[in-house]
Amino acid sequence: MAYSQIRLKILPSVRCLFDKLVQVRVEGLTPHKQVQLRSRLVDDRGQVFKASALYKANETGQVDVCSAPSLGGSYTGVEPMGLFWAMAPEIPHSKLLKKNVLSPTLVDIEAMSAETGELLASETIERGYMTEGMKRIPVQEGRIRGVLFIPPGEGPFPGIVDLYAFGERLTEPRASLLANKGFVVLALASMSYEDLPKKPKKLDLEYFDEAVTYLRRQPEVKGPGIGIISISHSGGLALSMSSFLSGISATVCINGCNANTAIPLHYKDLIIPPLTLVPKNITFTDSGLLYVCNCLPDPSLENNRASQFPIERANCHFLFAVSEDDHNWNSVFFANQAAATLRSHGKESFQVVTYPKAGHFLEVPYMPNCPSGFHAAVGSEVSFGGEPKAHSEAQLDLWERVQQFFKSHLDNKSRPTC
């Protein structure tokens, strides 16, 4: 085999946004010979993520992952982006981290001889987060801490507050990629960032009220209302904001809970206590990980109602996205309970979308699933669930739904299409 004739091509370009599909193609191979494709990236924490797949060249000596099936490895079958979503960490229980989005995520792709293990060709893909002309503005306004993303072009644009999971530092990938779609997005920190406490004894809803007011006052933001996107613990924050604060028109709650969890939430003279955990319901998986899915009680029971958010007060539209294989907590139960509360008060301005076999952390497209990892509220490594392929398909579907949902309910020029 003349290795010098072998080419690994990335189409349409080696530079693209993180949520874009690319075509990986190998040319110049010996017809019908097998080749192993490998992907590798090093995240901002230094953790290595890898995937591999075995392919067979066609009669012209080409492998095109958009049409050829993987015969084995990290995934099988025709999976155009399998080398990306199927990545797994070298060190178990690691979640892919991107601290800020000024630099792209670099993914090395290699074509190896399946017979000898020799390197045949390689290429590096730069998967970025910001289009040219986008503004990334660190925010230190009063108590507010975060990063504001403003898309290029003439505004004003719909505005969104992006809230992330409990105990996480500020997370920018989702906010920046949403901004590429024509939204002004405030990635808002609530703890463990700059001068915000790492382990606050309470959270003040007034802080989030300040953030909503700040975003609505930006000249690039179209009113009258703004949106919220949330995941996990911040889903509860989003529901509380929607219940008590004005100026919110559309709320996305991804695998959240309809009651307060982990830490007391204060608003004016009101204190919303967290649900009391049921430790006896914590079990172990076959691999020895903590399984905490059932350790939260039913929020609707009499002694838990003080923790339940009064979402019947909200005047916004809701999109509840839930994973059936969420091992963090019973997201499907909580979302259906929230929907029942709204329905019992004559409100139908909500959708519940359920994803079978998906895990807790539904992220942007092609982000590898995090089936297990450190849980800040538990203080230990736990199972988060999810089967890689089903999880990836859920992320793709949800990404389109989120954009459509916000455009329908925030953009006055758009008509609802859902």
Protein backbone atom coordinates (compact mmCIF):
# COMPACT_ATOMS: atom_id res chain seq x y z
CA MET A 1 0.00 0.00 0.00
CA ALA A 2 1.37 3.40 -0.99
CA TYR A 3 0.71 5.37 2.17
CA SER A 4 1.66 8.65 0.49
CA GLN A 5 -1.44 8.39 -1.69
CA ILE A 6 -3.81 8.02 1.25
CA ARG A 7 -5.71 11.16 2.21
CA LEU A 8 -7.99 11.83 5.16
CA LYS A 9 -10.45 14.58 4.30
CA ILE A 10 -12.78 16.58 6.53
CA LEU A 11 -15.64 18.20 4.62
CA PRO A 12 -16.74 20.90 4.21
CA SER A 13 -13.82 22.20 6.30
CA VAL A 14 -11.53 21.35 9.20
CA ARG A 15 -12.89 24.49 10.88
CA CYS A 16 -16.54 24.48 11.90
CA LEU A 17 -18.85 25.12 14.82
CA PHE A 18 -19.11 22.43 17.50
CA ASP A 19 -22.76 21.64 16.70
CA LYS A 20 -22.16 21.15 12.95
CA LEU A 21 -22.00 17.83 11.15
CA VAL A 22 -18.78 17.10 9.25
CA GLN A 23 -17.95 14.41 6.71
CA VAL A 24 -14.92 12.23 7.43
CA ARG A 25 -13.58 10.53 4.31
CA VAL A 26 -10.47 8.45 3.62
CA GLU A 27 -9.26 8.06 0.01
CA GLY A 28 -6.46 6.11 -1.65
CA LEU A 29 -6.87 2.89 0.32
CA THR A 30 -6.48 -0.58 -1.12
CA PRO A 31 -9.99 -1.67 -2.21
CA HIS A 32 -11.85 -3.76 0.39
CA LYS A 33 -9.08 -3.42 2.99
CA GLN A 34 -10.04 -2.65 6.56
CA VAL A 35 -9.02 0.59 8.26
CA GLN A 36 -9.48 1.81 11.81
CA LEU A 37 -10.51 5.40 12.37
CA ARG A 38 -9.68 6.98 15.71
CA SER A 39 -10.71 10.27 17.28
CA ARG A 40 -9.06 11.97 20.25
CA LEU A 41 -9.40 15.26 22.10
CA VAL A 42 -7.94 16.76 25.25
CA ASP A 43 -10.37 18.96 27.17
CA ASP A 44 -9.61 22.09 29.20
CA ARG A 45 -8.98 20.00 32.32
CA GLY A 46 -6.45 17.84 30.47
CA GLN A 47 -8.74 14.82 30.29
CA VAL A 48 -8.42 12.67 27.16
CA PHE A 49 -11.52 11.46 25.30
CA LYS A 50 -11.34 8.83 22.56
CA ALA A 51 -13.42 6.81 20.11
CA SER A 52 -12.58 4.31 17.37
CA ALA A 53 -14.38 2.44 14.62
CA LEU A 54 -13.48 -0.24 12.07
CA TYR A 55 -14.36 0.34 8.41
CA LYS A 56 -13.89 -1.52 5.14
CA ALA A 57 -12.86 0.41 2.03
CA ASN A 58 -15.13 0.15 -0.99
CA GLU A 59 -14.12 -0.95 -4.48
CA THR A 60 -12.58 2.46 -5.19
CA GLY A 61 -10.49 2.41 -2.02
CA GLN A 62 -12.63 4.95 -0.17
CA VAL A 63 -14.28 5.09 3.25
CA ASP A 64 -16.99 7.70 3.75
CA VAL A 65 -18.40 7.57 7.28
CA CYS A 66 -21.59 9.25 6.08
CA SER A 67 -22.49 6.15 4.05
CA ALA A 68 -20.21 3.30 5.18
CA PRO A 69 -21.07 1.26 8.29
CA SER A 70 -18.71 0.83 11.19
CA LEU A 71 -18.01 -2.89 11.66
CA GLY A 72 -16.95 -2.52 15.29
CA GLY A 73 -15.36 -0.32 17.92
CA SER A 74 -17.07 2.45 19.86
CA TYR A 75 -20.19 2.14 17.68
CA THR A 76 -21.52 0.12 14.75
CA GLY A 77 -23.55 0.95 11.67
CA VAL A 78 -23.71 4.12 9.62
CA GLU A 79 -23.07 6.96 12.06
CA PRO A 80 -21.71 10.11 10.35
CA MET A 81 -20.73 11.71 13.70
CA GLY A 82 -20.00 8.57 15.68
CA LEU A 83 -16.34 9.47 16.09
CA PHE A 84 -17.52 12.52 18.06
CA TRP A 85 -20.55 11.54 20.14
CA ALA A 86 -19.17 8.08 20.99
CA MET A 87 -16.05 9.46 22.65
CA ALA A 88 -15.38 8.18 26.16
CA PRO A 89 -12.91 9.46 28.75
CA GLU A 90 -9.67 7.58 29.40
CA ILE A 91 -10.22 8.21 33.10
CA PRO A 92 -13.72 6.99 34.04
CA HIS A 93 -16.36 9.36 35.41
CA SER A 94 -14.86 12.42 33.64
CA LYS A 95 -17.17 14.99 32.05
CA LEU A 96 -15.90 16.91 29.03
CA LEU A 97 -15.02 20.44 30.16
CA LYS A 98 -14.79 23.61 28.09
CA LYS A 99 -13.96 26.54 30.37
CA ASN A 100 -14.39 29.30 27.83
CA VAL A 101 -15.16 29.37 24.16
CA LEU A 102 -12.56 31.77 22.79
CA SER A 103 -10.59 28.77 21.52
CA PRO A 104 -11.97 25.78 19.60
CA THR A 105 -12.03 22.18 20.73
CA LEU A 106 -9.37 20.32 18.76
CA VAL A 107 -10.22 16.79 17.62
CA ASP A 108 -7.49 14.62 16.10
CA ILE A 109 -8.69 12.05 13.55
CA GLU A 110 -6.39 9.21 12.51
CA ALA A 111 -6.68 6.45 9.92
CA MET A 112 -4.77 3.33 10.98
CA SER A 113 -4.04 0.10 9.13
CA ALA A 114 -6.27 -2.56 10.69
CA GLU A 115 -3.63 -5.18 9.92
CA THR A 116 -0.39 -3.50 11.04
CA GLY A 117 -1.58 -0.65 13.24
CA GLU A 118 0.47 1.81 11.19
CA LEU A 119 -0.68 5.41 10.85
CA LEU A 120 -1.94 5.99 7.30
CA ALA A 121 -3.22 9.57 7.49
CA SER A 122 -4.38 12.13 10.05
CA GLU A 123 -6.13 15.46 10.35
CA THR A 124 -7.10 17.86 13.14
CA ILE A 125 -10.57 19.41 13.27
CA GLU A 126 -11.16 22.75 14.97
CA ARG A 127 -14.66 22.71 16.41
CA GLY A 128 -15.40 26.25 17.49
CA TYR A 129 -18.13 28.03 19.38
CA MET A 130 -18.26 31.59 18.07
CA THR A 131 -18.97 32.87 14.59
CA GLU A 132 -17.01 35.80 13.25
CA GLY A 133 -18.34 39.06 14.63
CA MET A 134 -19.90 37.57 17.75
CA LYS A 135 -19.23 39.48 20.97
CA ARG A 136 -18.25 37.74 24.21
CA ILE A 137 -18.56 40.18 27.11
CA PRO A 138 -17.66 39.22 30.70
CA VAL A 139 -20.35 40.56 33.03
CA GLN A 140 -19.69 42.08 36.46
CA GLU A 141 -22.77 44.20 37.00
CA GLY A 142 -23.73 44.66 40.64
CA ARG A 143 -23.91 41.13 41.98
CA ILE A 144 -24.28 39.55 38.55
CA ARG A 145 -21.46 37.34 37.29
CA GLY A 146 -21.45 35.74 33.89
CA VAL A 147 -20.70 36.15 30.20
CA LEU A 148 -22.92 37.84 27.61
CA PHE A 149 -22.91 36.60 24.01
CA ILE A 150 -24.21 38.93 21.31
CA PRO A 151 -24.58 37.57 17.76
CA PRO A 152 -23.27 39.45 14.74
CA GLY A 153 -25.69 41.40 12.60
CA GLU A 154 -28.40 43.94 13.18
CA GLY A 155 -30.55 43.42 16.26
CA PRO A 156 -32.44 43.53 18.36
CA PHE A 157 -32.46 39.80 19.11
CA PRO A 158 -34.47 37.65 21.51
CA GLY A 159 -32.71 37.36 24.89
CA ILE A 160 -32.05 34.18 26.89
CA VAL A 161 -30.59 33.49 30.34
CA ASP A 162 -28.57 30.26 30.33
CA LEU A 163 -28.38 28.42 33.68
CA TYR A 164 -26.26 25.32 34.26
CA ALA A 165 -25.99 22.48 36.78
CA PHE A 166 -25.41 22.63 40.53
CA GLY A 167 -21.84 23.20 41.64
CA GLU A 168 -20.57 23.80 38.09
CA ARG A 169 -18.46 26.76 37.15
CA LEU A 170 -19.83 29.02 34.48
CA THR A 171 -20.42 26.93 31.33
CA GLU A 172 -20.25 28.72 27.99
CA PRO A 173 -20.63 26.22 25.08
CA ARG A 174 -24.44 26.07 25.02
CA ALA A 175 -24.80 29.83 25.45
CA SER A 176 -22.34 30.67 22.66
CA LEU A 177 -23.79 28.12 20.24
CA LEU A 178 -27.30 29.45 20.92
CA ALA A 179 -26.06 32.96 20.23
CA ASN A 180 -24.94 31.74 16.80
CA LYS A 181 -28.62 31.05 16.11
CA GLY A 182 -29.61 34.68 16.59
CA PHE A 183 -30.14 35.09 20.34
CA VAL A 184 -28.45 37.33 22.90
CA VAL A 185 -27.51 34.86 25.63
CA LEU A 186 -26.38 35.57 29.18
CA ALA A 187 -24.49 32.59 30.62
CA LEU A 188 -25.22 33.23 34.28
CA ALA A 189 -23.13 31.89 37.16
CA SER A 190 -24.71 31.19 40.54
CA MET A 191 -21.78 29.72 42.50
CA SER A 192 -18.12 28.65 42.23
CA TYR A 193 -17.25 31.50 39.87
CA GLU A 194 -15.06 34.56 40.49
CA ASP A 195 -16.18 36.05 43.82
CA LEU A 196 -19.35 33.93 44.11
CA PRO A 197 -19.18 31.42 46.99
CA LYS A 198 -18.28 27.80 46.21
CA LYS A 199 -20.72 26.41 48.76
CA PRO A 200 -23.41 29.01 49.42
CA LYS A 201 -25.75 28.42 52.34
CA LYS A 202 -28.64 29.82 50.30
CA LEU A 203 -29.49 31.20 46.89
CA ASP A 204 -31.30 34.53 46.54
CA LEU A 205 -33.91 34.78 43.81
CA GLU A 206 -33.26 38.54 43.76
CA TYR A 207 -29.87 37.76 42.19
CA PHE A 208 -31.61 36.08 39.27
CA ASP A 209 -34.13 38.92 39.11
CA GLU A 210 -31.20 41.33 38.68
CA ALA A 211 -29.91 39.17 35.84
CA VAL A 212 -33.27 39.19 34.05
CA THR A 213 -33.48 42.98 34.43
CA TYR A 214 -29.91 43.39 33.19
CA LEU A 215 -30.55 41.28 30.09
CA ARG A 216 -33.84 43.00 29.24
CA ARG A 217 -32.13 46.40 29.41
CA GLN A 218 -29.46 45.53 26.86
CA PRO A 219 -30.01 47.56 23.66
CA GLU A 220 -29.44 44.45 21.53
CA VAL A 221 -32.27 42.55 23.26
CA LYS A 222 -35.74 42.51 21.80
CA GLY A 223 -38.60 42.58 24.28
CA PRO A 224 -40.86 42.39 25.90
CA GLY A 225 -39.96 39.08 27.54
CA ILE A 226 -36.85 36.92 27.68
CA GLY A 227 -36.27 33.17 27.80
CA ILE A 228 -34.52 30.81 30.21
CA ILE A 229 -32.71 27.57 29.41
CA SER A 230 -31.75 25.32 32.31
CA ILE A 231 -30.61 21.82 33.17
CA SER A 232 -30.58 19.66 36.29
CA HIS A 233 -30.62 21.71 39.54
CA SER A 234 -30.96 24.95 37.58
CA GLY A 235 -34.24 23.62 36.19
CA GLY A 236 -35.70 24.37 39.61
CA LEU A 237 -34.19 27.85 39.51
CA ALA A 238 -35.80 28.40 36.12
CA LEU A 239 -39.19 27.27 37.43
CA SER A 240 -38.90 29.53 40.48
CA MET A 241 -37.89 32.49 38.30
CA SER A 242 -40.86 31.81 36.02
CA SER A 243 -43.17 31.60 39.03
CA PHE A 244 -42.10 34.76 40.87
CA LEU A 245 -40.35 37.11 38.44
CA SER A 246 -41.76 39.26 35.68
CA GLY A 247 -40.44 39.58 32.14
CA ILE A 248 -40.07 35.85 31.37
CA SER A 249 -41.89 34.53 28.31
CA ALA A 250 -40.39 31.10 27.60
CA THR A 251 -38.65 28.57 29.86
CA VAL A 252 -36.78 25.40 28.88
CA CYS A 253 -36.33 22.95 31.75
CA ILE A 254 -34.05 20.00 30.89
CA ASN A 255 -34.13 17.10 33.36
CA GLY A 256 -35.09 19.35 36.24
CA CYS A 257 -37.20 18.99 39.37
CA ASN A 258 -40.46 20.81 40.11
CA ALA A 259 -39.38 21.39 43.71
CA ASN A 260 -36.36 23.00 45.31
CA THR A 261 -33.35 20.75 45.92
CA ALA A 262 -29.94 20.83 47.60
CA ILE A 263 -29.99 24.36 49.05
CA PRO A 264 -32.58 26.83 50.46
CA LEU A 265 -33.93 29.40 48.01
CA HIS A 266 -34.83 32.83 49.37
CA TYR A 267 -37.12 35.41 47.78
CA LYS A 268 -38.01 38.50 49.77
CA ASP A 269 -39.61 37.14 52.96
CA LEU A 270 -40.19 33.69 51.48
CA ILE A 271 -37.88 30.72 52.07
CA ILE A 272 -38.32 27.64 49.89
CA PRO A 273 -36.59 24.73 51.66
CA PRO A 274 -34.98 21.91 49.70
CA LEU A 275 -36.61 18.49 49.60
CA THR A 276 -35.34 16.20 52.33
CA LEU A 277 -33.36 13.31 50.86
CA VAL A 278 -34.31 9.71 51.60
CA PRO A 279 -30.87 8.09 52.12
CA LYS A 280 -32.24 4.55 52.34
CA ASN A 281 -33.26 4.82 48.67
CA ILE A 282 -29.66 5.30 47.54
CA THR A 283 -28.36 2.06 46.05
CA PHE A 284 -25.37 0.90 44.00
CA THR A 285 -25.04 -0.01 40.34
CA ASP A 286 -23.41 -3.27 39.27
CA SER A 287 -20.17 -1.33 38.73
CA GLY A 288 -20.25 0.04 42.27
CA LEU A 289 -21.42 3.57 41.51
CA LEU A 290 -23.99 5.34 43.65
CA TYR A 291 -27.48 5.25 42.15
CA VAL A 292 -29.31 8.26 43.55
CA CYS A 293 -32.33 8.41 41.23
CA ASN A 294 -34.85 7.52 43.92
CA CYS A 295 -33.51 9.53 46.85
CA LEU A 296 -35.85 12.52 46.35
CA PRO A 297 -39.39 12.19 47.73
CA ASP A 298 -42.63 13.07 45.95
CA PRO A 299 -42.91 16.90 46.02
CA SER A 300 -46.71 16.75 46.05
CA LEU A 301 -46.92 14.98 49.42
CA GLU A 302 -48.18 17.14 52.25
CA ASN A 303 -44.88 17.45 54.12
CA ASN A 304 -42.98 18.33 50.92
CA ARG A 305 -45.24 21.00 49.45
CA ALA A 306 -43.26 23.88 50.95
CA SER A 307 -40.45 22.88 48.59
CA GLN A 308 -42.66 22.75 45.50
CA PHE A 309 -42.52 25.70 43.11
CA PRO A 310 -45.87 27.43 42.48
CA ILE A 311 -45.53 27.25 38.71
CA GLU A 312 -49.27 27.85 38.35
CA ARG A 313 -48.32 31.51 38.96
CA ALA A 314 -46.17 31.59 35.82
CA ASN A 315 -47.33 33.34 32.67
CA CYS A 316 -44.71 31.91 30.33
CA HIS A 317 -44.54 28.97 27.96
CA PHE A 318 -42.68 25.88 29.19
CA LEU A 319 -40.70 23.20 27.39
CA PHE A 320 -39.93 20.25 29.65
CA ALA A 321 -37.31 17.91 28.14
CA VAL A 322 -36.79 14.69 30.09
CA SER A 323 -34.70 11.54 29.75
CA GLU A 324 -36.17 8.16 30.62
CA ASP A 325 -32.74 6.82 31.60
CA ASP A 326 -31.86 9.77 33.84
CA HIS A 327 -30.15 8.23 36.88
CA ASN A 328 -29.76 11.55 38.71
CA TRP A 329 -33.43 11.77 39.61
CA ASN A 330 -36.83 10.90 38.18
CA SER A 331 -37.10 13.70 35.63
CA VAL A 332 -40.08 12.16 33.85
CA PHE A 333 -42.09 12.02 37.08
CA PHE A 334 -41.22 15.61 38.02
CA ALA A 335 -42.05 16.98 34.55
CA ASN A 336 -45.36 15.15 34.40
CA GLN A 337 -46.21 16.45 37.87
CA ALA A 338 -45.39 20.00 36.78
CA ALA A 339 -47.55 19.55 33.68
CA ALA A 340 -50.41 18.24 35.81
CA THR A 341 -50.15 21.28 38.10
CA LEU A 342 -50.33 23.64 35.14
CA ARG A 343 -53.20 21.72 33.59
CA SER A 344 -55.17 21.70 36.85
CA HIS A 345 -55.00 25.50 36.82
CA GLY A 346 -56.29 25.72 33.27
CA LYS A 347 -52.91 26.29 31.65
CA GLU A 348 -51.90 24.46 28.48
CA SER A 349 -48.88 26.56 27.54
CA PHE A 350 -46.38 23.72 27.95
CA GLN A 351 -44.81 20.78 26.15
CA VAL A 352 -43.26 17.65 27.66
CA VAL A 353 -40.77 15.87 25.40
CA THR A 354 -39.48 12.48 26.55
CA TYR A 355 -36.31 10.77 25.33
CA PRO A 356 -35.97 6.99 25.86
CA LYS A 357 -32.49 5.69 26.79
CA ALA A 358 -31.05 9.22 27.15
CA GLY A 359 -29.12 10.19 30.29
CA HIS A 360 -29.12 13.17 32.62
CA PHE A 361 -26.86 15.66 30.85
CA LEU A 362 -28.63 16.51 27.60
CA GLU A 363 -26.16 18.92 26.02
CA VAL A 364 -25.44 20.47 22.62
CA PRO A 365 -25.19 18.18 19.56
CA TYR A 366 -22.26 15.76 19.40
CA MET A 367 -21.21 16.34 23.00
CA PRO A 368 -20.24 12.90 24.39
CA ASN A 369 -22.63 11.48 26.96
CA CYS A 370 -21.52 11.64 30.59
CA PRO A 371 -22.83 8.33 32.01
CA SER A 372 -21.19 8.87 35.40
CA GLY A 373 -19.29 11.53 37.27
CA PHE A 374 -18.81 13.55 40.42
CA HIS A 375 -22.05 14.91 41.88
CA ALA A 376 -21.45 18.17 43.75
CA ALA A 377 -24.54 17.85 45.94
CA VAL A 378 -23.82 14.22 46.83
CA GLY A 379 -20.06 14.65 47.16
CA SER A 380 -19.31 11.42 45.34
CA GLU A 381 -19.30 9.81 41.92
CA VAL A 382 -22.73 8.70 40.76
CA SER A 383 -24.40 7.16 37.74
CA PHE A 384 -26.04 9.65 35.35
CA GLY A 385 -27.34 7.11 32.83
CA GLY A 386 -27.82 7.14 29.09
CA GLU A 387 -26.91 4.98 26.12
CA PRO A 388 -24.47 6.87 23.84
CA LYS A 389 -26.35 6.61 20.52
CA ALA A 390 -29.82 7.28 21.93
CA HIS A 391 -28.41 10.11 24.02
CA SER A 392 -26.80 11.70 20.96
CA GLU A 393 -30.03 11.44 18.97
CA ALA A 394 -31.88 13.10 21.85
CA GLN A 395 -29.39 15.98 21.92
CA LEU A 396 -29.84 16.57 18.18
CA ASP A 397 -33.63 16.57 18.44
CA LEU A 398 -33.70 18.79 21.53
CA TRP A 399 -31.31 21.34 20.00
CA GLU A 400 -33.73 21.97 17.13
CA ARG A 401 -36.73 22.01 19.46
CA VAL A 402 -35.11 24.58 21.75
CA GLN A 403 -34.41 26.96 18.88
CA GLN A 404 -37.94 26.58 17.49
CA PHE A 405 -39.46 27.03 20.96
CA PHE A 406 -37.60 30.27 21.65
CA LYS A 407 -38.22 31.66 18.18
CA SER A 408 -41.92 30.89 18.52
CA HIS A 409 -42.33 32.57 21.90
CA LEU A 410 -39.66 35.29 21.93
CA ASP A 411 -39.36 36.52 18.35
CA ASN A 412 -42.30 38.80 17.55
CA LYS A 413 -41.61 38.38 13.84
CA SER A 414 -42.01 34.60 13.97
CA ARG A 415 -45.22 32.65 14.09
CA PRO A 416 -45.36 29.56 16.29
CA THR A 417 -44.75 26.45 14.23
CA CYS A 418 -45.04 23.87 16.99
